[in-house]
Amino acid sequence: FPLKMRKWPRQEIERAVKEALQLVRLPG
């Protein structure tokens, strides 16, 4: 959500979300 509000490109949003989930140990 905050990335969409900042108008990040879709591919970068997907990558950032994936890495954020890895960071907080919630992949999948």
PDB file of all heavy atoms in Angstrom:
ATOM      1  N   PHE A   1       0.801  -1.226   0.000  1.00  0.00           N
ATOM      2  CA  PHE A   1       0.000   0.000   0.000  1.00  0.00           C
ATOM      3  C   PHE A   1       0.838   1.283   0.000  1.00  0.00           C
ATOM      4  O   PHE A   1       0.610   2.170  -0.832  1.00  0.00           O
ATOM      5  CB  PHE A   1      -0.976  -0.017   1.176  1.00  0.00           C
ATOM      6  CG  PHE A   1      -1.893   1.166   1.210  1.00  0.00           C
ATOM      7  CD1 PHE A   1      -3.010   1.226   0.391  1.00  0.00           C
ATOM      8  CD2 PHE A   1      -1.643   2.239   2.059  1.00  0.00           C
ATOM      9  CE1 PHE A   1      -3.855   2.322   0.413  1.00  0.00           C
ATOM     10  CE2 PHE A   1      -2.472   3.337   2.086  1.00  0.00           C
ATOM     11  CZ  PHE A   1      -3.588   3.380   1.260  1.00  0.00           C
ATOM     12  N   PRO A   2       1.821   1.436   0.917  1.00  0.00           N
ATOM     13  CA  PRO A   2       2.593   2.686   0.886  1.00  0.00           C
ATOM     14  C   PRO A   2       3.421   2.856  -0.388  1.00  0.00           C
ATOM     15  O   PRO A   2       3.713   3.990  -0.785  1.00  0.00           O
ATOM     16  CB  PRO A   2       3.495   2.582   2.124  1.00  0.00           C
ATOM     17  CG  PRO A   2       3.551   1.136   2.442  1.00  0.00           C
ATOM     18  CD  PRO A   2       2.229   0.563   2.034  1.00  0.00           C
ATOM     19  N   LEU A   3       3.788   1.766  -1.034  1.00  0.00           N
ATOM     20  CA  LEU A   3       4.544   1.861  -2.286  1.00  0.00           C
ATOM     21  C   LEU A   3       3.646   2.323  -3.424  1.00  0.00           C
ATOM     22  O   LEU A   3       4.061   3.109  -4.282  1.00  0.00           O
ATOM     23  CB  LEU A   3       5.176   0.510  -2.619  1.00  0.00           C
ATOM     24  CG  LEU A   3       6.082  -0.093  -1.542  1.00  0.00           C
ATOM     25  CD1 LEU A   3       6.673  -1.411  -2.027  1.00  0.00           C
ATOM     26  CD2 LEU A   3       7.177   0.878  -1.145  1.00  0.00           C
ATOM     27  N   LYS A   4       2.403   1.834  -3.430  1.00  0.00           N
ATOM     28  CA  LYS A   4       1.457   2.280  -4.454  1.00  0.00           C
ATOM     29  C   LYS A   4       1.142   3.761  -4.291  1.00  0.00           C
ATOM     30  O   LYS A   4       0.987   4.484  -5.285  1.00  0.00           O
ATOM     31  CB  LYS A   4       0.182   1.438  -4.386  1.00  0.00           C
ATOM     32  CG  LYS A   4       0.375   0.000  -4.829  1.00  0.00           C
ATOM     33  CD  LYS A   4      -0.919  -0.793  -4.741  1.00  0.00           C
ATOM     34  CE  LYS A   4      -0.715  -2.226  -5.218  1.00  0.00           C
ATOM     35  NZ  LYS A   4      -1.964  -3.034  -5.115  1.00  0.00           N
ATOM     36  N   MET A   5       1.045   4.213  -3.045  1.00  0.00           N
ATOM     37  CA  MET A   5       0.802   5.633  -2.805  1.00  0.00           C
ATOM     38  C   MET A   5       1.966   6.488  -3.304  1.00  0.00           C
ATOM     39  O   MET A   5       1.770   7.652  -3.679  1.00  0.00           O
ATOM     40  CB  MET A   5       0.574   5.879  -1.307  1.00  0.00           C
ATOM     41  CG  MET A   5      -0.691   5.259  -0.736  1.00  0.00           C
ATOM     42  SD  MET A   5      -2.216   5.898  -1.479  1.00  0.00           S
ATOM     43  CE  MET A   5      -2.594   4.595  -2.679  1.00  0.00           C
ATOM     44  N   ARG A   6       3.153   5.890  -3.329  1.00  0.00           N
ATOM     45  CA  ARG A   6       4.340   6.595  -3.831  1.00  0.00           C
ATOM     46  C   ARG A   6       4.576   6.343  -5.315  1.00  0.00           C
ATOM     47  O   ARG A   6       5.582   6.781  -5.861  1.00  0.00           O
ATOM     48  CB  ARG A   6       5.569   6.171  -3.011  1.00  0.00           C
ATOM     49  CG  ARG A   6       5.559   6.731  -1.590  1.00  0.00           C
ATOM     50  CD  ARG A   6       6.571   6.034  -0.698  1.00  0.00           C
ATOM     51  NE  ARG A   6       6.705   6.690   0.599  1.00  0.00           N
ATOM     52  CZ  ARG A   6       5.822   6.568   1.591  1.00  0.00           C
ATOM     53  NH1 ARG A   6       4.759   5.802   1.440  1.00  0.00           N
ATOM     54  NH2 ARG A   6       6.005   7.208   2.732  1.00  0.00           N
ATOM     55  N   LYS A   7       3.645   5.602  -5.919  1.00  0.00           N
ATOM     56  CA  LYS A   7       3.662   5.339  -7.363  1.00  0.00           C
ATOM     57  C   LYS A   7       4.937   4.624  -7.819  1.00  0.00           C
ATOM     58  O   LYS A   7       5.530   4.963  -8.847  1.00  0.00           O
ATOM     59  CB  LYS A   7       3.456   6.643  -8.157  1.00  0.00           C
ATOM     60  CG  LYS A   7       2.151   7.352  -7.805  1.00  0.00           C
ATOM     61  CD  LYS A   7       1.896   8.536  -8.696  1.00  0.00           C
ATOM     62  CE  LYS A   7       0.656   9.306  -8.248  1.00  0.00           C
ATOM     63  NZ  LYS A   7      -0.553   8.462  -8.173  1.00  0.00           N
ATOM     64  N   TRP A   8       5.367   3.631  -7.033  1.00  0.00           N
ATOM     65  CA  TRP A   8       6.491   2.804  -7.464  1.00  0.00           C
ATOM     66  C   TRP A   8       6.045   1.927  -8.636  1.00  0.00           C
ATOM     67  O   TRP A   8       4.870   1.509  -8.704  1.00  0.00           O
ATOM     68  CB  TRP A   8       6.952   1.907  -6.315  1.00  0.00           C
ATOM     69  CG  TRP A   8       7.798   2.577  -5.280  1.00  0.00           C
ATOM     70  CD1 TRP A   8       7.756   3.878  -4.884  1.00  0.00           C
ATOM     71  CD2 TRP A   8       8.804   1.953  -4.494  1.00  0.00           C
ATOM     72  NE1 TRP A   8       8.667   4.105  -3.894  1.00  0.00           N
ATOM     73  CE2 TRP A   8       9.329   2.948  -3.636  1.00  0.00           C
ATOM     74  CE3 TRP A   8       9.305   0.661  -4.417  1.00  0.00           C
ATOM     75  CZ2 TRP A   8      10.346   2.675  -2.722  1.00  0.00           C
ATOM     76  CZ3 TRP A   8      10.311   0.382  -3.510  1.00  0.00           C
ATOM     77  CH2 TRP A   8      10.837   1.387  -2.673  1.00  0.00           C
ATOM     78  N   PRO A   9       6.942   1.569  -9.529  1.00  0.00           N
ATOM     79  CA  PRO A   9       6.623   0.632 -10.615  1.00  0.00           C
ATOM     80  C   PRO A   9       6.221  -0.730 -10.051  1.00  0.00           C
ATOM     81  O   PRO A   9       6.708  -1.153  -9.004  1.00  0.00           O
ATOM     82  CB  PRO A   9       7.930   0.543 -11.409  1.00  0.00           C
ATOM     83  CG  PRO A   9       8.670   1.790 -11.059  1.00  0.00           C
ATOM     84  CD  PRO A   9       8.307   2.111  -9.640  1.00  0.00           C
ATOM     85  N   ARG A  10       5.335  -1.427 -10.759  1.00  0.00           N
ATOM     86  CA  ARG A  10       4.781  -2.684 -10.285  1.00  0.00           C
ATOM     87  C   ARG A  10       5.856  -3.718  -9.974  1.00  0.00           C
ATOM     88  O   ARG A  10       5.794  -4.403  -8.937  1.00  0.00           O
ATOM     89  CB  ARG A  10       3.807  -3.244 -11.316  1.00  0.00           C
ATOM     90  CG  ARG A  10       3.123  -4.548 -10.870  1.00  0.00           C
ATOM     91  CD  ARG A  10       2.136  -5.029 -11.913  1.00  0.00           C
ATOM     92  NE  ARG A  10       2.807  -5.281 -13.176  1.00  0.00           N
ATOM     93  CZ  ARG A  10       3.479  -6.416 -13.458  1.00  0.00           C
ATOM     94  NH1 ARG A  10       3.536  -7.385 -12.558  1.00  0.00           N
ATOM     95  NH2 ARG A  10       4.055  -6.590 -14.625  1.00  0.00           N
ATOM     96  N   GLN A  11       6.837  -3.871 -10.847  1.00  0.00           N
ATOM     97  CA  GLN A  11       7.873  -4.873 -10.620  1.00  0.00           C
ATOM     98  C   GLN A  11       8.687  -4.566  -9.366  1.00  0.00           C
ATOM     99  O   GLN A  11       9.055  -5.473  -8.608  1.00  0.00           O
ATOM    100  CB  GLN A  11       8.792  -4.975 -11.840  1.00  0.00           C
ATOM    101  CG  GLN A  11       8.143  -5.645 -13.043  1.00  0.00           C
ATOM    102  CD  GLN A  11       9.129  -5.829 -14.192  1.00  0.00           C
ATOM    103  OE1 GLN A  11      10.139  -5.127 -14.278  1.00  0.00           O
ATOM    104  NE2 GLN A  11       8.832  -6.784 -15.064  1.00  0.00           N
ATOM    105  N   GLU A  12       8.959  -3.306  -9.139  1.00  0.00           N
ATOM    106  CA  GLU A  12       9.720  -2.927  -7.944  1.00  0.00           C
ATOM    107  C   GLU A  12       8.881  -3.142  -6.685  1.00  0.00           C
ATOM    108  O   GLU A  12       9.409  -3.510  -5.625  1.00  0.00           O
ATOM    109  CB  GLU A  12      10.186  -1.478  -8.052  1.00  0.00           C
ATOM    110  CG  GLU A  12      11.223  -1.270  -9.143  1.00  0.00           C
ATOM    111  CD  GLU A  12      11.817   0.123  -9.108  1.00  0.00           C
ATOM    112  OE1 GLU A  12      11.712   0.797  -8.064  1.00  0.00           O
ATOM    113  OE2 GLU A  12      12.396   0.533 -10.121  1.00  0.00           O
ATOM    114  N   ILE A  13       7.573  -2.916  -6.786  1.00  0.00           N
ATOM    115  CA  ILE A  13       6.693  -3.186  -5.644  1.00  0.00           C
ATOM    116  C   ILE A  13       6.715  -4.662  -5.301  1.00  0.00           C
ATOM    117  O   ILE A  13       6.865  -5.049  -4.124  1.00  0.00           O
ATOM    118  CB  ILE A  13       5.257  -2.720  -5.947  1.00  0.00           C
ATOM    119  CG1 ILE A  13       5.185  -1.192  -5.996  1.00  0.00           C
ATOM    120  CG2 ILE A  13       4.287  -3.258  -4.882  1.00  0.00           C
ATOM    121  CD1 ILE A  13       3.816  -0.655  -6.376  1.00  0.00           C
ATOM    122  N   GLU A  14       6.598  -5.518  -6.302  1.00  0.00           N
ATOM    123  CA  GLU A  14       6.601  -6.964  -6.065  1.00  0.00           C
ATOM    124  C   GLU A  14       7.908  -7.407  -5.416  1.00  0.00           C
ATOM    125  O   GLU A  14       7.907  -8.233  -4.494  1.00  0.00           O
ATOM    126  CB  GLU A  14       6.375  -7.695  -7.383  1.00  0.00           C
ATOM    127  CG  GLU A  14       4.961  -7.511  -7.942  1.00  0.00           C
ATOM    128  CD  GLU A  14       4.791  -8.163  -9.299  1.00  0.00           C
ATOM    129  OE1 GLU A  14       5.807  -8.665  -9.865  1.00  0.00           O
ATOM    130  OE2 GLU A  14       3.651  -8.177  -9.814  1.00  0.00           O
ATOM    131  N   ARG A  15       9.010  -6.871  -5.903  1.00  0.00           N
ATOM    132  CA  ARG A  15      10.305  -7.244  -5.343  1.00  0.00           C
ATOM    133  C   ARG A  15      10.444  -6.751  -3.901  1.00  0.00           C
ATOM    134  O   ARG A  15      10.898  -7.491  -3.012  1.00  0.00           O
ATOM    135  CB  ARG A  15      11.439  -6.673  -6.200  1.00  0.00           C
ATOM    136  CG  ARG A  15      12.836  -7.010  -5.671  1.00  0.00           C
ATOM    137  CD  ARG A  15      13.910  -6.511  -6.589  1.00  0.00           C
ATOM    138  NE  ARG A  15      13.829  -5.065  -6.786  1.00  0.00           N
ATOM    139  CZ  ARG A  15      14.636  -4.395  -7.600  1.00  0.00           C
ATOM    140  NH1 ARG A  15      15.533  -5.034  -8.317  1.00  0.00           N
ATOM    141  NH2 ARG A  15      14.518  -3.087  -7.711  1.00  0.00           N
ATOM    142  N   ALA A  16      10.024  -5.503  -3.652  1.00  0.00           N
ATOM    143  CA  ALA A  16      10.150  -4.939  -2.298  1.00  0.00           C
ATOM    144  C   ALA A  16       9.262  -5.689  -1.304  1.00  0.00           C
ATOM    145  O   ALA A  16       9.664  -5.933  -0.165  1.00  0.00           O
ATOM    146  CB  ALA A  16       9.795  -3.456  -2.317  1.00  0.00           C
ATOM    147  N   VAL A  17       8.046  -6.068  -1.734  1.00  0.00           N
ATOM    148  CA  VAL A  17       7.148  -6.812  -0.850  1.00  0.00           C
ATOM    149  C   VAL A  17       7.746  -8.170  -0.516  1.00  0.00           C
ATOM    150  O   VAL A  17       7.727  -8.611   0.650  1.00  0.00           O
ATOM    151  CB  VAL A  17       5.763  -6.973  -1.504  1.00  0.00           C
ATOM    152  CG1 VAL A  17       4.908  -7.977  -0.728  1.00  0.00           C
ATOM    153  CG2 VAL A  17       5.049  -5.630  -1.578  1.00  0.00           C
ATOM    154  N   LYS A  18       8.295  -8.843  -1.493  1.00  0.00           N
ATOM    155  CA  LYS A  18       8.911 -10.150  -1.268  1.00  0.00           C
ATOM    156  C   LYS A  18      10.053 -10.044  -0.259  1.00  0.00           C
ATOM    157  O   LYS A  18      10.183 -10.876   0.651  1.00  0.00           O
ATOM    158  CB  LYS A  18       9.413 -10.722  -2.588  1.00  0.00           C
ATOM    159  CG  LYS A  18      10.035 -12.107  -2.468  1.00  0.00           C
ATOM    160  CD  LYS A  18      10.473 -12.633  -3.826  1.00  0.00           C
ATOM    161  CE  LYS A  18      11.110 -14.016  -3.693  1.00  0.00           C
ATOM    162  NZ  LYS A  18      11.536 -14.548  -5.016  1.00  0.00           N
ATOM    163  N   GLU A  19      10.889  -9.026  -0.420  1.00  0.00           N
ATOM    164  CA  GLU A  19      12.029  -8.864   0.483  1.00  0.00           C
ATOM    165  C   GLU A  19      11.581  -8.454   1.884  1.00  0.00           C
ATOM    166  O   GLU A  19      12.171  -8.886   2.886  1.00  0.00           O
ATOM    167  CB  GLU A  19      12.999  -7.841  -0.103  1.00  0.00           C
ATOM    168  CG  GLU A  19      13.701  -8.362  -1.346  1.00  0.00           C
ATOM    169  CD  GLU A  19      14.429  -7.280  -2.101  1.00  0.00           C
ATOM    170  OE1 GLU A  19      14.382  -6.121  -1.648  1.00  0.00           O
ATOM    171  OE2 GLU A  19      15.044  -7.589  -3.133  1.00  0.00           O
ATOM    172  N   ALA A  20      10.510  -7.648   1.975  1.00  0.00           N
ATOM    173  CA  ALA A  20       9.997  -7.268   3.286  1.00  0.00           C
ATOM    174  C   ALA A  20       9.454  -8.490   4.033  1.00  0.00           C
ATOM    175  O   ALA A  20       9.637  -8.621   5.243  1.00  0.00           O
ATOM    176  CB  ALA A  20       8.911  -6.205   3.141  1.00  0.00           C
ATOM    177  N   LEU A  21       8.796  -9.377   3.314  1.00  0.00           N
ATOM    178  CA  LEU A  21       8.291 -10.602   3.934  1.00  0.00           C
ATOM    179  C   LEU A  21       9.441 -11.500   4.389  1.00  0.00           C
ATOM    180  O   LEU A  21       9.348 -12.157   5.435  1.00  0.00           O
ATOM    181  CB  LEU A  21       7.386 -11.352   2.956  1.00  0.00           C
ATOM    182  CG  LEU A  21       5.985 -10.755   2.786  1.00  0.00           C
ATOM    183  CD1 LEU A  21       5.270 -11.384   1.598  1.00  0.00           C
ATOM    184  CD2 LEU A  21       5.166 -10.940   4.055  1.00  0.00           C
ATOM    185  N   GLN A  22      10.514 -11.544   3.616  1.00  0.00           N
ATOM    186  CA  GLN A  22      11.695 -12.288   4.053  1.00  0.00           C
ATOM    187  C   GLN A  22      12.271 -11.683   5.325  1.00  0.00           C
ATOM    188  O   GLN A  22      12.670 -12.408   6.245  1.00  0.00           O
ATOM    189  CB  GLN A  22      12.760 -12.280   2.937  1.00  0.00           C
ATOM    190  CG  GLN A  22      12.398 -13.083   1.700  1.00  0.00           C
ATOM    191  CD  GLN A  22      12.568 -14.578   1.887  1.00  0.00           C
ATOM    192  OE1 GLN A  22      13.108 -15.039   2.893  1.00  0.00           O
ATOM    193  NE2 GLN A  22      12.095 -15.351   0.916  1.00  0.00           N
ATOM    194  N   LEU A  23      12.277 -10.363   5.385  1.00  0.00           N
ATOM    195  CA  LEU A  23      12.843  -9.665   6.540  1.00  0.00           C
ATOM    196  C   LEU A  23      12.108 -10.009   7.825  1.00  0.00           C
ATOM    197  O   LEU A  23      12.721 -10.198   8.877  1.00  0.00           O
ATOM    198  CB  LEU A  23      12.794  -8.152   6.302  1.00  0.00           C
ATOM    199  CG  LEU A  23      13.386  -7.255   7.392  1.00  0.00           C
ATOM    200  CD1 LEU A  23      14.898  -7.422   7.468  1.00  0.00           C
ATOM    201  CD2 LEU A  23      13.027  -5.802   7.141  1.00  0.00           C
ATOM    202  N   VAL A  24      10.775 -10.126   7.740  1.00  0.00           N
ATOM    203  CA  VAL A  24       9.975 -10.405   8.946  1.00  0.00           C
ATOM    204  C   VAL A  24       9.616 -11.885   9.057  1.00  0.00           C
ATOM    205  O   VAL A  24       8.748 -12.262   9.844  1.00  0.00           O
ATOM    206  CB  VAL A  24       8.698  -9.540   8.981  1.00  0.00           C
ATOM    207  CG1 VAL A  24       9.054  -8.065   9.040  1.00  0.00           C
ATOM    208  CG2 VAL A  24       7.782  -9.844   7.800  1.00  0.00           C
ATOM    209  N   ARG A  25      10.276 -12.716   8.271  1.00  0.00           N
ATOM    210  CA  ARG A  25      10.132 -14.172   8.342  1.00  0.00           C
ATOM    211  C   ARG A  25       8.710 -14.655   8.045  1.00  0.00           C
ATOM    212  O   ARG A  25       8.171 -15.514   8.733  1.00  0.00           O
ATOM    213  CB  ARG A  25      10.588 -14.694   9.702  1.00  0.00           C
ATOM    214  CG  ARG A  25      12.058 -14.403  10.012  1.00  0.00           C
ATOM    215  CD  ARG A  25      12.529 -15.191  11.198  1.00  0.00           C
ATOM    216  NE  ARG A  25      11.756 -14.879  12.391  1.00  0.00           N
ATOM    217  CZ  ARG A  25      11.661 -15.680  13.444  1.00  0.00           C
ATOM    218  NH1 ARG A  25      12.277 -16.841  13.448  1.00  0.00           N
ATOM    219  NH2 ARG A  25      10.945 -15.322  14.506  1.00  0.00           N
ATOM    220  N   LEU A  26       8.106 -14.078   6.992  1.00  0.00           N
ATOM    221  CA  LEU A  26       6.779 -14.514   6.565  1.00  0.00           C
ATOM    222  C   LEU A  26       6.728 -14.826   5.068  1.00  0.00           C
ATOM    223  O   LEU A  26       5.730 -14.486   4.394  1.00  0.00           O
ATOM    224  CB  LEU A  26       5.728 -13.444   6.906  1.00  0.00           C
ATOM    225  CG  LEU A  26       5.343 -13.270   8.374  1.00  0.00           C
ATOM    226  CD1 LEU A  26       4.331 -12.147   8.529  1.00  0.00           C
ATOM    227  CD2 LEU A  26       4.793 -14.561   8.964  1.00  0.00           C
ATOM    228  N   PRO A  27       7.750 -15.435   4.504  1.00  0.00           N
ATOM    229  CA  PRO A  27       7.650 -15.795   3.080  1.00  0.00           C
ATOM    230  C   PRO A  27       6.529 -16.802   2.862  1.00  0.00           C
ATOM    231  O   PRO A  27       6.287 -17.677   3.699  1.00  0.00           O
ATOM    232  CB  PRO A  27       9.020 -16.411   2.783  1.00  0.00           C
ATOM    233  CG  PRO A  27       9.499 -16.932   4.100  1.00  0.00           C
ATOM    234  CD  PRO A  27       8.996 -15.947   5.127  1.00  0.00           C
ATOM    235  N   GLY A  28       5.802 -16.652   1.755  1.00  0.00           N
ATOM    236  CA  GLY A  28       4.703 -17.556   1.466  1.00  0.00           C
ATOM    237  C   GLY A  28       3.365 -17.115   2.025  1.00  0.00           C
ATOM    238  O   GLY A  28       2.355 -17.792   1.824  1.00  0.00           O
TER     239      GLY A  28
END
